[in-house]
Amino acid sequence: MTKPAASKRHLPTSPFKAPVAPAPKYFAVGDQVTHDVYGLGRVIGIEDGTAVLVNFGSEHVRIVSPYAKMTKL
C-alpha cells in the first residue's frame, strides 16, 4: 500500500495564482443528498460538523467529514 502524494505548496514568488481551497460542505437535517455508493438519501442527523447520519431508504449510514462522495441536491 502506498501513501498518497503530498500536495505541493505555493511559493510566494510564483507567477501563478495559489490554488483555492474548496469550501467545506455543510448539511442540515432534511437536506436531500446523493452519494456515489449509496445513492439518493435524506439527512436525518448531524454530529457537530464531523459526521452526518443519512437515511438511504433501506439503511441508515453515518458518513464522516469531508463528505468527498456526497453532494447536496
PDB file of N, CA and C in Angstrom:
ATOM      1  N   MET A   1       0.845  -1.167   0.000  1.00  0.00           N
ATOM      2  CA  MET A   1       0.000   0.000   0.000  1.00  0.00           C
ATOM      3  C   MET A   1       0.892   1.232   0.000  1.00  0.00           C
ATOM      4  N   THR A   2       0.602   2.163  -0.881  1.00  0.00           N
ATOM      5  CA  THR A   2       1.422   3.365  -0.989  1.00  0.00           C
ATOM      6  C   THR A   2       0.719   4.556  -0.356  1.00  0.00           C
ATOM      7  N   LYS A   3       1.517   5.508   0.059  1.00  0.00           N
ATOM      8  CA  LYS A   3       0.972   6.739   0.640  1.00  0.00           C
ATOM      9  C   LYS A   3       0.569   7.677  -0.486  1.00  0.00           C
ATOM     10  N   PRO A   4      -0.518   8.463  -0.289  1.00  0.00           N
ATOM     11  CA  PRO A   4      -0.879   9.438  -1.320  1.00  0.00           C
ATOM     12  C   PRO A   4       0.166  10.540  -1.411  1.00  0.00           C
ATOM     13  N   ALA A   5       0.312  11.085  -2.586  1.00  0.00           N
ATOM     14  CA  ALA A   5       1.301  12.136  -2.801  1.00  0.00           C
ATOM     15  C   ALA A   5       0.929  13.388  -2.011  1.00  0.00           C
ATOM     16  N   ALA A   6       1.918  14.025  -1.428  1.00  0.00           N
ATOM     17  CA  ALA A   6       1.686  15.265  -0.677  1.00  0.00           C
ATOM     18  C   ALA A   6       1.385  16.393  -1.657  1.00  0.00           C
ATOM     19  N   SER A   7       0.512  17.294  -1.253  1.00  0.00           N
ATOM     20  CA  SER A   7       0.192  18.414  -2.130  1.00  0.00           C
ATOM     21  C   SER A   7       1.373  19.379  -2.177  1.00  0.00           C
ATOM     22  N   LYS A   8       1.539  20.003  -3.316  1.00  0.00           N
ATOM     23  CA  LYS A   8       2.649  20.934  -3.489  1.00  0.00           C
ATOM     24  C   LYS A   8       2.286  22.272  -2.865  1.00  0.00           C
ATOM     25  N   ARG A   9       3.247  22.869  -2.189  1.00  0.00           N
ATOM     26  CA  ARG A   9       2.989  24.162  -1.571  1.00  0.00           C
ATOM     27  C   ARG A   9       3.192  25.264  -2.594  1.00  0.00           C
ATOM     28  N   HIS A  10       2.497  26.366  -2.388  1.00  0.00           N
ATOM     29  CA  HIS A  10       2.578  27.503  -3.294  1.00  0.00           C
ATOM     30  C   HIS A  10       3.696  28.430  -2.833  1.00  0.00           C
ATOM     31  N   LEU A  11       4.582  28.777  -3.737  1.00  0.00           N
ATOM     32  CA  LEU A  11       5.673  29.697  -3.423  1.00  0.00           C
ATOM     33  C   LEU A  11       5.219  31.127  -3.660  1.00  0.00           C
ATOM     34  N   PRO A  12       5.547  32.054  -2.750  1.00  0.00           N
ATOM     35  CA  PRO A  12       5.123  33.445  -2.915  1.00  0.00           C
ATOM     36  C   PRO A  12       5.693  34.099  -4.174  1.00  0.00           C
ATOM     37  N   THR A  13       6.804  33.610  -4.681  1.00  0.00           N
ATOM     38  CA  THR A  13       7.424  34.204  -5.868  1.00  0.00           C
ATOM     39  C   THR A  13       6.893  33.601  -7.171  1.00  0.00           C
ATOM     40  N   SER A  14       5.978  32.668  -7.086  1.00  0.00           N
ATOM     41  CA  SER A  14       5.433  32.008  -8.262  1.00  0.00           C
ATOM     42  C   SER A  14       4.562  32.976  -9.070  1.00  0.00           C
ATOM     43  N   PRO A  15       4.649  32.931 -10.403  1.00  0.00           N
ATOM     44  CA  PRO A  15       3.802  33.802 -11.225  1.00  0.00           C
ATOM     45  C   PRO A  15       2.358  33.293 -11.316  1.00  0.00           C
ATOM     46  N   PHE A  16       2.103  32.090 -10.816  1.00  0.00           N
ATOM     47  CA  PHE A  16       0.766  31.504 -10.874  1.00  0.00           C
ATOM     48  C   PHE A  16       0.010  31.775  -9.582  1.00  0.00           C
ATOM     49  N   LYS A  17      -1.292  31.841  -9.686  1.00  0.00           N
ATOM     50  CA  LYS A  17      -2.124  32.080  -8.513  1.00  0.00           C
ATOM     51  C   LYS A  17      -2.145  30.842  -7.624  1.00  0.00           C
ATOM     52  N   ALA A  18      -2.288  31.084  -6.332  1.00  0.00           N
ATOM     53  CA  ALA A  18      -2.371  29.982  -5.379  1.00  0.00           C
ATOM     54  C   ALA A  18      -3.686  29.231  -5.595  1.00  0.00           C
ATOM     55  N   PRO A  19      -3.681  27.895  -5.459  1.00  0.00           N
ATOM     56  CA  PRO A  19      -4.925  27.150  -5.630  1.00  0.00           C
ATOM     57  C   PRO A  19      -5.919  27.504  -4.518  1.00  0.00           C
ATOM     58  N   VAL A  20      -7.170  27.565  -4.891  1.00  0.00           N
ATOM     59  CA  VAL A  20      -8.220  27.918  -3.947  1.00  0.00           C
ATOM     60  C   VAL A  20      -8.719  26.642  -3.273  1.00  0.00           C
ATOM     61  N   ALA A  21      -8.758  26.659  -1.941  1.00  0.00           N
ATOM     62  CA  ALA A  21      -9.259  25.502  -1.206  1.00  0.00           C
ATOM     63  C   ALA A  21     -10.782  25.442  -1.342  1.00  0.00           C
ATOM     64  N   PRO A  22     -11.333  24.245  -1.597  1.00  0.00           N
ATOM     65  CA  PRO A  22     -12.788  24.157  -1.725  1.00  0.00           C
ATOM     66  C   PRO A  22     -13.469  24.443  -0.390  1.00  0.00           C
ATOM     67  N   ALA A  23     -14.632  25.067  -0.460  1.00  0.00           N
ATOM     68  CA  ALA A  23     -15.374  25.390   0.755  1.00  0.00           C
ATOM     69  C   ALA A  23     -15.890  24.104   1.397  1.00  0.00           C
ATOM     70  N   PRO A  24     -15.872  24.037   2.727  1.00  0.00           N
ATOM     71  CA  PRO A  24     -16.386  22.832   3.379  1.00  0.00           C
ATOM     72  C   PRO A  24     -17.881  22.699   3.144  1.00  0.00           C
ATOM     73  N   LYS A  25     -18.342  21.466   3.072  1.00  0.00           N
ATOM     74  CA  LYS A  25     -19.752  21.214   2.821  1.00  0.00           C
ATOM     75  C   LYS A  25     -20.508  21.199   4.141  1.00  0.00           C
ATOM     76  N   TYR A  26     -21.642  21.860   4.163  1.00  0.00           N
ATOM     77  CA  TYR A  26     -22.498  21.884   5.344  1.00  0.00           C
ATOM     78  C   TYR A  26     -23.846  21.304   4.980  1.00  0.00           C
ATOM     79  N   PHE A  27     -24.356  20.456   5.840  1.00  0.00           N
ATOM     80  CA  PHE A  27     -25.643  19.827   5.626  1.00  0.00           C
ATOM     81  C   PHE A  27     -26.555  20.142   6.799  1.00  0.00           C
ATOM     82  N   ALA A  28     -27.851  20.200   6.531  1.00  0.00           N
ATOM     83  CA  ALA A  28     -28.852  20.426   7.562  1.00  0.00           C
ATOM     84  C   ALA A  28     -29.806  19.236   7.570  1.00  0.00           C
ATOM     85  N   VAL A  29     -30.468  19.029   8.700  1.00  0.00           N
ATOM     86  CA  VAL A  29     -31.435  17.946   8.805  1.00  0.00           C
ATOM     87  C   VAL A  29     -32.544  18.202   7.786  1.00  0.00           C
ATOM     88  N   GLY A  30     -32.857  17.183   7.008  1.00  0.00           N
ATOM     89  CA  GLY A  30     -33.886  17.299   5.985  1.00  0.00           C
ATOM     90  C   GLY A  30     -33.344  17.523   4.592  1.00  0.00           C
ATOM     91  N   ASP A  31     -32.051  17.812   4.448  1.00  0.00           N
ATOM     92  CA  ASP A  31     -31.465  18.006   3.123  1.00  0.00           C
ATOM     93  C   ASP A  31     -31.475  16.695   2.339  1.00  0.00           C
ATOM     94  N   GLN A  32     -31.814  16.786   1.064  1.00  0.00           N
ATOM     95  CA  GLN A  32     -31.748  15.622   0.207  1.00  0.00           C
ATOM     96  C   GLN A  32     -30.346  15.577  -0.399  1.00  0.00           C
ATOM     97  N   VAL A  33     -29.721  14.400  -0.353  1.00  0.00           N
ATOM     98  CA  VAL A  33     -28.341  14.248  -0.810  1.00  0.00           C
ATOM     99  C   VAL A  33     -28.233  13.043  -1.737  1.00  0.00           C
ATOM    100  N   THR A  34     -27.137  13.011  -2.471  1.00  0.00           N
ATOM    101  CA  THR A  34     -26.814  11.839  -3.267  1.00  0.00           C
ATOM    102  C   THR A  34     -25.392  11.409  -2.922  1.00  0.00           C
ATOM    103  N   HIS A  35     -25.175  10.105  -2.860  1.00  0.00           N
ATOM    104  CA  HIS A  35     -23.874   9.536  -2.505  1.00  0.00           C
ATOM    105  C   HIS A  35     -23.447   8.615  -3.634  1.00  0.00           C
ATOM    106  N   ASP A  36     -22.151   8.602  -3.941  1.00  0.00           N
ATOM    107  CA  ASP A  36     -21.640   7.798  -5.055  1.00  0.00           C
ATOM    108  C   ASP A  36     -21.858   6.297  -4.847  1.00  0.00           C
ATOM    109  N   VAL A  37     -21.878   5.843  -3.598  1.00  0.00           N
ATOM    110  CA  VAL A  37     -22.028   4.416  -3.319  1.00  0.00           C
ATOM    111  C   VAL A  37     -23.468   4.063  -2.945  1.00  0.00           C
ATOM    112  N   TYR A  38     -24.099   4.851  -2.058  1.00  0.00           N
ATOM    113  CA  TYR A  38     -25.403   4.507  -1.507  1.00  0.00           C
ATOM    114  C   TYR A  38     -26.576   5.059  -2.298  1.00  0.00           C
ATOM    115  N   GLY A  39     -26.369   6.087  -3.103  1.00  0.00           N
ATOM    116  CA  GLY A  39     -27.439   6.649  -3.912  1.00  0.00           C
ATOM    117  C   GLY A  39     -28.133   7.821  -3.260  1.00  0.00           C
ATOM    118  N   LEU A  40     -29.449   7.929  -3.470  1.00  0.00           N
ATOM    119  CA  LEU A  40     -30.254   9.044  -3.009  1.00  0.00           C
ATOM    120  C   LEU A  40     -30.666   8.844  -1.556  1.00  0.00           C
ATOM    121  N   GLY A  41     -30.557   9.911  -0.747  1.00  0.00           N
ATOM    122  CA  GLY A  41     -30.920   9.811   0.661  1.00  0.00           C
ATOM    123  C   GLY A  41     -31.302  11.152   1.247  1.00  0.00           C
ATOM    124  N   ARG A  42     -31.675  11.133   2.543  1.00  0.00           N
ATOM    125  CA  ARG A  42     -32.074  12.350   3.246  1.00  0.00           C
ATOM    126  C   ARG A  42     -31.347  12.388   4.591  1.00  0.00           C
ATOM    127  N   VAL A  43     -30.783  13.571   4.926  1.00  0.00           N
ATOM    128  CA  VAL A  43     -30.050  13.754   6.183  1.00  0.00           C
ATOM    129  C   VAL A  43     -31.048  13.702   7.339  1.00  0.00           C
ATOM    130  N   ILE A  44     -30.773  12.832   8.332  1.00  0.00           N
ATOM    131  CA  ILE A  44     -31.663  12.714   9.487  1.00  0.00           C
ATOM    132  C   ILE A  44     -30.979  13.097  10.786  1.00  0.00           C
ATOM    133  N   GLY A  45     -29.653  13.338  10.746  1.00  0.00           N
ATOM    134  CA  GLY A  45     -28.945  13.754  11.951  1.00  0.00           C
ATOM    135  C   GLY A  45     -27.587  14.334  11.624  1.00  0.00           C
ATOM    136  N   ILE A  46     -27.111  15.224  12.533  1.00  0.00           N
ATOM    137  CA  ILE A  46     -25.808  15.871  12.353  1.00  0.00           C
ATOM    138  C   ILE A  46     -25.036  15.751  13.657  1.00  0.00           C
ATOM    139  N   GLU A  47     -23.750  15.454  13.575  1.00  0.00           N
ATOM    140  CA  GLU A  47     -22.882  15.319  14.748  1.00  0.00           C
ATOM    141  C   GLU A  47     -21.800  16.391  14.724  1.00  0.00           C
ATOM    142  N   ASP A  48     -22.082  17.578  15.211  1.00  0.00           N
ATOM    143  CA  ASP A  48     -21.121  18.674  15.383  1.00  0.00           C
ATOM    144  C   ASP A  48     -20.220  18.917  14.173  1.00  0.00           C
ATOM    145  N   GLY A  49     -20.725  18.781  12.984  1.00  0.00           N
ATOM    146  CA  GLY A  49     -19.944  19.064  11.782  1.00  0.00           C
ATOM    147  C   GLY A  49     -18.906  18.007  11.451  1.00  0.00           C
ATOM    148  N   THR A  50     -18.852  16.920  12.214  1.00  0.00           N
ATOM    149  CA  THR A  50     -17.869  15.876  11.938  1.00  0.00           C
ATOM    150  C   THR A  50     -18.465  14.709  11.182  1.00  0.00           C
ATOM    151  N   ALA A  51     -19.763  14.529  11.272  1.00  0.00           N
ATOM    152  CA  ALA A  51     -20.422  13.416  10.590  1.00  0.00           C
ATOM    153  C   ALA A  51     -21.901  13.729  10.424  1.00  0.00           C
ATOM    154  N   VAL A  52     -22.520  13.044   9.464  1.00  0.00           N
ATOM    155  CA  VAL A  52     -23.961  13.162   9.271  1.00  0.00           C
ATOM    156  C   VAL A  52     -24.551  11.756   9.197  1.00  0.00           C
ATOM    157  N   LEU A  53     -25.771  11.627   9.646  1.00  0.00           N
ATOM    158  CA  LEU A  53     -26.500  10.367   9.568  1.00  0.00           C
ATOM    159  C   LEU A  53     -27.516  10.522   8.450  1.00  0.00           C
ATOM    160  N   VAL A  54     -27.445   9.612   7.465  1.00  0.00           N
ATOM    161  CA  VAL A  54     -28.281   9.730   6.278  1.00  0.00           C
ATOM    162  C   VAL A  54     -29.139   8.484   6.128  1.00  0.00           C
ATOM    163  N   ASN A  55     -30.424   8.698   5.819  1.00  0.00           N
ATOM    164  CA  ASN A  55     -31.359   7.616   5.559  1.00  0.00           C
ATOM    165  C   ASN A  55     -31.372   7.368   4.058  1.00  0.00           C
ATOM    166  N   PHE A  56     -30.898   6.206   3.642  1.00  0.00           N
ATOM    167  CA  PHE A  56     -30.877   5.843   2.230  1.00  0.00           C
ATOM    168  C   PHE A  56     -31.994   4.864   1.892  1.00  0.00           C
ATOM    169  N   GLY A  57     -33.092   4.926   2.636  1.00  0.00           N
ATOM    170  CA  GLY A  57     -34.229   4.055   2.365  1.00  0.00           C
ATOM    171  C   GLY A  57     -34.120   2.747   3.113  1.00  0.00           C
ATOM    172  N   SER A  58     -33.266   1.853   2.662  1.00  0.00           N
ATOM    173  CA  SER A  58     -33.143   0.540   3.293  1.00  0.00           C
ATOM    174  C   SER A  58     -32.165   0.529   4.459  1.00  0.00           C
ATOM    175  N   GLU A  59     -31.344   1.568   4.607  1.00  0.00           N
ATOM    176  CA  GLU A  59     -30.369   1.603   5.692  1.00  0.00           C
ATOM    177  C   GLU A  59     -30.030   3.033   6.091  1.00  0.00           C
ATOM    178  N   HIS A  60     -29.578   3.177   7.333  1.00  0.00           N
ATOM    179  CA  HIS A  60     -29.073   4.446   7.854  1.00  0.00           C
ATOM    180  C   HIS A  60     -27.561   4.344   7.875  1.00  0.00           C
ATOM    181  N   VAL A  61     -26.880   5.351   7.309  1.00  0.00           N
ATOM    182  CA  VAL A  61     -25.424   5.324   7.206  1.00  0.00           C
ATOM    183  C   VAL A  61     -24.855   6.587   7.830  1.00  0.00           C
ATOM    184  N   ARG A  62     -23.811   6.417   8.662  1.00  0.00           N
ATOM    185  CA  ARG A  62     -23.089   7.549   9.257  1.00  0.00           C
ATOM    186  C   ARG A  62     -21.910   7.855   8.338  1.00  0.00           C
ATOM    187  N   ILE A  63     -21.897   9.058   7.779  1.00  0.00           N
ATOM    188  CA  ILE A  63     -20.843   9.462   6.846  1.00  0.00           C
ATOM    189  C   ILE A  63     -20.035  10.570   7.500  1.00  0.00           C
ATOM    190  N   VAL A  64     -18.723  10.353   7.596  1.00  0.00           N
ATOM    191  CA  VAL A  64     -17.848  11.305   8.268  1.00  0.00           C
ATOM    192  C   VAL A  64     -17.310  12.344   7.280  1.00  0.00           C
ATOM    193  N   SER A  65     -16.946  13.502   7.833  1.00  0.00           N
ATOM    194  CA  SER A  65     -16.384  14.585   7.055  1.00  0.00           C
ATOM    195  C   SER A  65     -15.059  14.136   6.460  1.00  0.00           C
ATOM    196  N   PRO A  66     -14.693  14.503   5.291  1.00  0.00           N
ATOM    197  CA  PRO A  66     -15.026  15.647   4.454  1.00  0.00           C
ATOM    198  C   PRO A  66     -16.105  15.398   3.412  1.00  0.00           C
ATOM    199  N   TYR A  67     -16.877  14.349   3.487  1.00  0.00           N
ATOM    200  CA  TYR A  67     -18.009  14.080   2.594  1.00  0.00           C
ATOM    201  C   TYR A  67     -17.613  14.104   1.123  1.00  0.00           C
ATOM    202  N   ALA A  68     -16.516  13.454   0.784  1.00  0.00           N
ATOM    203  CA  ALA A  68     -15.993  13.502  -0.577  1.00  0.00           C
ATOM    204  C   ALA A  68     -16.950  12.921  -1.605  1.00  0.00           C
ATOM    205  N   LYS A  69     -17.701  11.894  -1.251  1.00  0.00           N
ATOM    206  CA  LYS A  69     -18.563  11.231  -2.229  1.00  0.00           C
ATOM    207  C   LYS A  69     -20.020  11.639  -2.116  1.00  0.00           C
ATOM    208  N   MET A  70     -20.328  12.684  -1.313  1.00  0.00           N
ATOM    209  CA  MET A  70     -21.709  13.067  -1.097  1.00  0.00           C
ATOM    210  C   MET A  70     -21.924  14.530  -1.480  1.00  0.00           C
ATOM    211  N   THR A  71     -23.027  14.785  -2.175  1.00  0.00           N
ATOM    212  CA  THR A  71     -23.366  16.148  -2.563  1.00  0.00           C
ATOM    213  C   THR A  71     -24.824  16.438  -2.234  1.00  0.00           C
ATOM    214  N   LYS A  72     -25.097  17.709  -1.947  1.00  0.00           N
ATOM    215  CA  LYS A  72     -26.457  18.152  -1.641  1.00  0.00           C
ATOM    216  C   LYS A  72     -27.204  18.405  -2.939  1.00  0.00           C
ATOM    217  N   LEU A  73     -28.471  18.013  -2.969  1.00  0.00           N
ATOM    218  CA  LEU A  73     -29.299  18.259  -4.167  1.00  0.00           C
ATOM    219  C   LEU A  73     -30.145  19.490  -3.988  1.00  0.00           C
TER     220      LEU A  73
END
